[in-house]
Amino acid sequence: MRRKFAILFATALVSVSGATACSGVQEDLQKRAQEEVEKGRQQVEKKVQEERKKVEKKVQEGQQRIEEGVKKGQQQVKEKAQ
């Protein structure tokens, strides 16, 4: 009887410790997954910022060309008027 009780007790301890170990592994995996998601989000955000800067630069260059064209046109109108 004592032997059966010892075996059942040992089995229960192993089951409980196994469940605890699985829970710890699951928490670790979940933490790692969240870290990877955050890392990916940061990379995407960085890429978006870089592309936004490129677009803003192109827009600014286009505005400068337009302004230069307008100035040239105004200058030509003034020269013809004289």
N, C-alpha and C. Protein backbone atom coordinates (compact mmCIF):
# COMPACT_ATOMS: atom_id res chain seq x y z
N MET A 1 0.82 -1.20 0.00
CA MET A 1 0.00 0.00 0.00
C MET A 1 0.86 1.26 0.00
N ARG A 2 1.90 1.25 0.83
CA ARG A 2 2.80 2.41 0.86
C ARG A 2 3.48 2.62 -0.49
N ARG A 3 3.82 1.52 -1.10
CA ARG A 3 4.50 1.62 -2.40
C ARG A 3 3.57 2.24 -3.44
N LYS A 4 2.31 1.82 -3.48
CA LYS A 4 1.34 2.39 -4.42
C LYS A 4 1.15 3.88 -4.15
N PHE A 5 1.06 4.21 -2.86
CA PHE A 5 0.89 5.62 -2.50
C PHE A 5 2.11 6.43 -2.95
N ALA A 6 3.30 5.89 -2.74
CA ALA A 6 4.53 6.58 -3.14
C ALA A 6 4.56 6.77 -4.66
N ILE A 7 4.15 5.74 -5.39
CA ILE A 7 4.13 5.84 -6.86
C ILE A 7 3.11 6.88 -7.31
N LEU A 8 1.91 6.85 -6.72
CA LEU A 8 0.89 7.84 -7.08
C LEU A 8 1.34 9.26 -6.73
N PHE A 9 1.97 9.40 -5.57
CA PHE A 9 2.45 10.72 -5.15
C PHE A 9 3.54 11.23 -6.10
N ALA A 10 4.47 10.35 -6.46
CA ALA A 10 5.54 10.72 -7.39
C ALA A 10 4.96 11.08 -8.76
N THR A 11 3.97 10.33 -9.20
CA THR A 11 3.33 10.61 -10.49
C THR A 11 2.64 11.96 -10.46
N ALA A 12 1.97 12.26 -9.35
CA ALA A 12 1.29 13.55 -9.22
C ALA A 12 2.30 14.69 -9.25
N LEU A 13 3.43 14.53 -8.55
CA LEU A 13 4.46 15.57 -8.54
C LEU A 13 5.04 15.80 -9.93
N VAL A 14 5.29 14.71 -10.63
CA VAL A 14 5.84 14.82 -11.99
C VAL A 14 4.84 15.53 -12.89
N SER A 15 3.56 15.21 -12.76
CA SER A 15 2.54 15.85 -13.59
C SER A 15 2.47 17.34 -13.30
N VAL A 16 2.48 17.69 -12.02
CA VAL A 16 2.40 19.10 -11.64
C VAL A 16 3.65 19.84 -12.11
N SER A 17 4.82 19.26 -11.90
CA SER A 17 6.05 19.95 -12.32
C SER A 17 6.12 20.05 -13.84
N GLY A 18 5.61 19.04 -14.54
CA GLY A 18 5.58 19.09 -16.01
C GLY A 18 4.67 20.19 -16.50
N ALA A 19 3.51 20.34 -15.86
CA ALA A 19 2.58 21.40 -16.24
C ALA A 19 3.19 22.76 -15.98
N THR A 20 3.89 22.90 -14.86
CA THR A 20 4.56 24.16 -14.55
C THR A 20 5.64 24.46 -15.57
N ALA A 21 6.40 23.44 -15.95
CA ALA A 21 7.46 23.63 -16.95
C ALA A 21 6.86 24.05 -18.28
N CYS A 22 5.76 23.42 -18.68
CA CYS A 22 5.10 23.78 -19.94
C CYS A 22 4.61 25.23 -19.88
N SER A 23 4.09 25.61 -18.74
CA SER A 23 3.61 26.98 -18.59
C SER A 23 4.77 27.96 -18.73
N GLY A 24 5.91 27.63 -18.15
CA GLY A 24 7.09 28.50 -18.25
C GLY A 24 7.57 28.60 -19.69
N VAL A 25 7.58 27.48 -20.38
CA VAL A 25 8.00 27.47 -21.79
C VAL A 25 7.03 28.30 -22.62
N GLN A 26 5.76 28.15 -22.35
CA GLN A 26 4.75 28.92 -23.10
C GLN A 26 4.94 30.41 -22.87
N GLU A 27 5.21 30.79 -21.62
CA GLU A 27 5.43 32.21 -21.32
C GLU A 27 6.66 32.73 -22.04
N ASP A 28 7.72 31.93 -22.06
CA ASP A 28 8.94 32.32 -22.77
C ASP A 28 8.68 32.50 -24.26
N LEU A 29 7.96 31.54 -24.83
CA LEU A 29 7.65 31.63 -26.26
C LEU A 29 6.78 32.84 -26.57
N GLN A 30 5.83 33.09 -25.70
CA GLN A 30 4.95 34.24 -25.91
C GLN A 30 5.75 35.54 -25.81
N LYS A 31 6.65 35.61 -24.86
CA LYS A 31 7.49 36.80 -24.70
C LYS A 31 8.37 37.01 -25.93
N ARG A 32 8.97 35.93 -26.41
CA ARG A 32 9.82 36.01 -27.60
C ARG A 32 9.02 36.44 -28.82
N ALA A 33 7.81 35.91 -28.93
CA ALA A 33 6.96 36.28 -30.07
C ALA A 33 6.62 37.77 -30.00
N GLN A 34 6.29 38.26 -28.81
CA GLN A 34 5.98 39.68 -28.67
C GLN A 34 7.20 40.54 -29.00
N GLU A 35 8.38 40.10 -28.58
CA GLU A 35 9.60 40.84 -28.90
C GLU A 35 9.84 40.89 -30.40
N GLU A 36 9.61 39.76 -31.07
CA GLU A 36 9.80 39.72 -32.53
C GLU A 36 8.79 40.62 -33.23
N VAL A 37 7.56 40.62 -32.76
CA VAL A 37 6.54 41.49 -33.35
C VAL A 37 6.94 42.95 -33.16
N GLU A 38 7.40 43.29 -31.98
CA GLU A 38 7.81 44.68 -31.71
C GLU A 38 9.01 45.06 -32.58
N LYS A 39 9.94 44.14 -32.72
CA LYS A 39 11.11 44.39 -33.57
C LYS A 39 10.68 44.63 -35.02
N GLY A 40 9.77 43.80 -35.50
CA GLY A 40 9.26 43.96 -36.86
C GLY A 40 8.52 45.27 -37.03
N ARG A 41 7.72 45.64 -36.03
CA ARG A 41 6.98 46.90 -36.08
C ARG A 41 7.94 48.09 -36.16
N GLN A 42 9.01 48.03 -35.38
CA GLN A 42 10.00 49.11 -35.39
C GLN A 42 10.70 49.20 -36.73
N GLN A 43 11.00 48.06 -37.34
CA GLN A 43 11.65 48.06 -38.65
C GLN A 43 10.73 48.66 -39.70
N VAL A 44 9.45 48.30 -39.64
CA VAL A 44 8.48 48.85 -40.59
C VAL A 44 8.35 50.36 -40.39
N GLU A 45 8.29 50.78 -39.14
CA GLU A 45 8.16 52.20 -38.85
C GLU A 45 9.38 52.97 -39.36
N LYS A 46 10.55 52.40 -39.19
CA LYS A 46 11.78 53.05 -39.66
C LYS A 46 11.76 53.18 -41.19
N LYS A 47 11.33 52.12 -41.86
CA LYS A 47 11.28 52.13 -43.32
C LYS A 47 10.26 53.16 -43.81
N VAL A 48 9.13 53.25 -43.13
CA VAL A 48 8.11 54.24 -43.49
C VAL A 48 8.66 55.64 -43.35
N GLN A 49 9.38 55.91 -42.27
CA GLN A 49 9.97 57.23 -42.06
C GLN A 49 10.97 57.57 -43.17
N GLU A 50 11.80 56.58 -43.53
CA GLU A 50 12.78 56.80 -44.59
C GLU A 50 12.09 57.14 -45.91
N GLU A 51 11.05 56.39 -46.25
CA GLU A 51 10.34 56.62 -47.50
C GLU A 51 9.61 57.96 -47.46
N ARG A 52 9.06 58.31 -46.31
CA ARG A 52 8.38 59.60 -46.17
C ARG A 52 9.36 60.75 -46.41
N LYS A 53 10.58 60.62 -45.89
CA LYS A 53 11.59 61.66 -46.10
C LYS A 53 11.94 61.78 -47.58
N LYS A 54 12.04 60.63 -48.27
CA LYS A 54 12.34 60.66 -49.70
C LYS A 54 11.23 61.38 -50.47
N VAL A 55 9.98 61.06 -50.14
CA VAL A 55 8.85 61.69 -50.82
C VAL A 55 8.83 63.19 -50.55
N GLU A 56 9.04 63.57 -49.29
CA GLU A 56 9.06 64.99 -48.95
C GLU A 56 10.15 65.73 -49.70
N LYS A 57 11.31 65.09 -49.85
CA LYS A 57 12.42 65.71 -50.58
C LYS A 57 12.04 65.90 -52.05
N LYS A 58 11.41 64.90 -52.66
CA LYS A 58 11.00 65.01 -54.06
C LYS A 58 9.95 66.10 -54.23
N VAL A 59 9.03 66.19 -53.29
CA VAL A 59 8.00 67.23 -53.36
C VAL A 59 8.65 68.60 -53.27
N GLN A 60 9.59 68.74 -52.36
CA GLN A 60 10.27 70.03 -52.19
C GLN A 60 11.05 70.39 -53.46
N GLU A 61 11.71 69.42 -54.07
CA GLU A 61 12.44 69.68 -55.31
C GLU A 61 11.46 70.11 -56.41
N GLY A 62 10.31 69.45 -56.48
CA GLY A 62 9.31 69.82 -57.48
C GLY A 62 8.79 71.23 -57.26
N GLN A 63 8.57 71.60 -56.02
CA GLN A 63 8.11 72.96 -55.71
C GLN A 63 9.15 73.98 -56.13
N GLN A 64 10.41 73.68 -55.88
CA GLN A 64 11.48 74.61 -56.26
C GLN A 64 11.53 74.79 -57.78
N ARG A 65 11.36 73.70 -58.52
CA ARG A 65 11.35 73.81 -59.99
C ARG A 65 10.17 74.64 -60.47
N ILE A 66 9.02 74.44 -59.85
CA ILE A 66 7.83 75.21 -60.23
C ILE A 66 8.06 76.69 -59.95
N GLU A 67 8.59 76.97 -58.76
CA GLU A 67 8.84 78.38 -58.40
C GLU A 67 9.84 79.02 -59.34
N GLU A 68 10.88 78.27 -59.73
CA GLU A 68 11.86 78.79 -60.68
C GLU A 68 11.21 79.05 -62.04
N GLY A 69 10.34 78.14 -62.47
CA GLY A 69 9.64 78.33 -63.74
C GLY A 69 8.74 79.55 -63.70
N VAL A 70 8.06 79.74 -62.57
CA VAL A 70 7.18 80.91 -62.43
C VAL A 70 8.02 82.19 -62.47
N LYS A 71 9.15 82.20 -61.80
CA LYS A 71 10.02 83.39 -61.80
C LYS A 71 10.52 83.70 -63.21
N LYS A 72 10.90 82.64 -63.93
CA LYS A 72 11.37 82.84 -65.30
C LYS A 72 10.25 83.41 -66.17
N GLY A 73 9.05 82.86 -65.98
CA GLY A 73 7.91 83.36 -66.76
C GLY A 73 7.61 84.82 -66.43
N GLN A 74 7.66 85.18 -65.16
CA GLN A 74 7.42 86.58 -64.76
C GLN A 74 8.50 87.49 -65.33
N GLN A 75 9.74 87.01 -65.32
CA GLN A 75 10.84 87.80 -65.87
C GLN A 75 10.66 88.01 -67.36
N GLN A 76 10.22 86.98 -68.06
CA GLN A 76 10.00 87.11 -69.50
C GLN A 76 8.86 88.10 -69.78
N VAL A 77 7.82 88.05 -68.97
CA VAL A 77 6.69 88.98 -69.16
C VAL A 77 7.17 90.40 -68.95
N LYS A 78 8.00 90.64 -67.93
CA LYS A 78 8.53 91.97 -67.66
C LYS A 78 9.38 92.45 -68.82
N GLU A 79 10.22 91.56 -69.35
CA GLU A 79 11.10 91.96 -70.46
C GLU A 79 10.31 92.31 -71.70
N LYS A 80 9.24 91.57 -71.98
CA LYS A 80 8.41 91.85 -73.14
C LYS A 80 7.62 93.15 -72.96
N ALA A 81 7.25 93.43 -71.74
CA ALA A 81 6.47 94.64 -71.45
C ALA A 81 7.32 95.88 -71.62
N GLN A 82 8.61 95.77 -71.50
CA GLN A 82 9.48 96.97 -71.60
C GLN A 82 9.79 97.29 -72.99
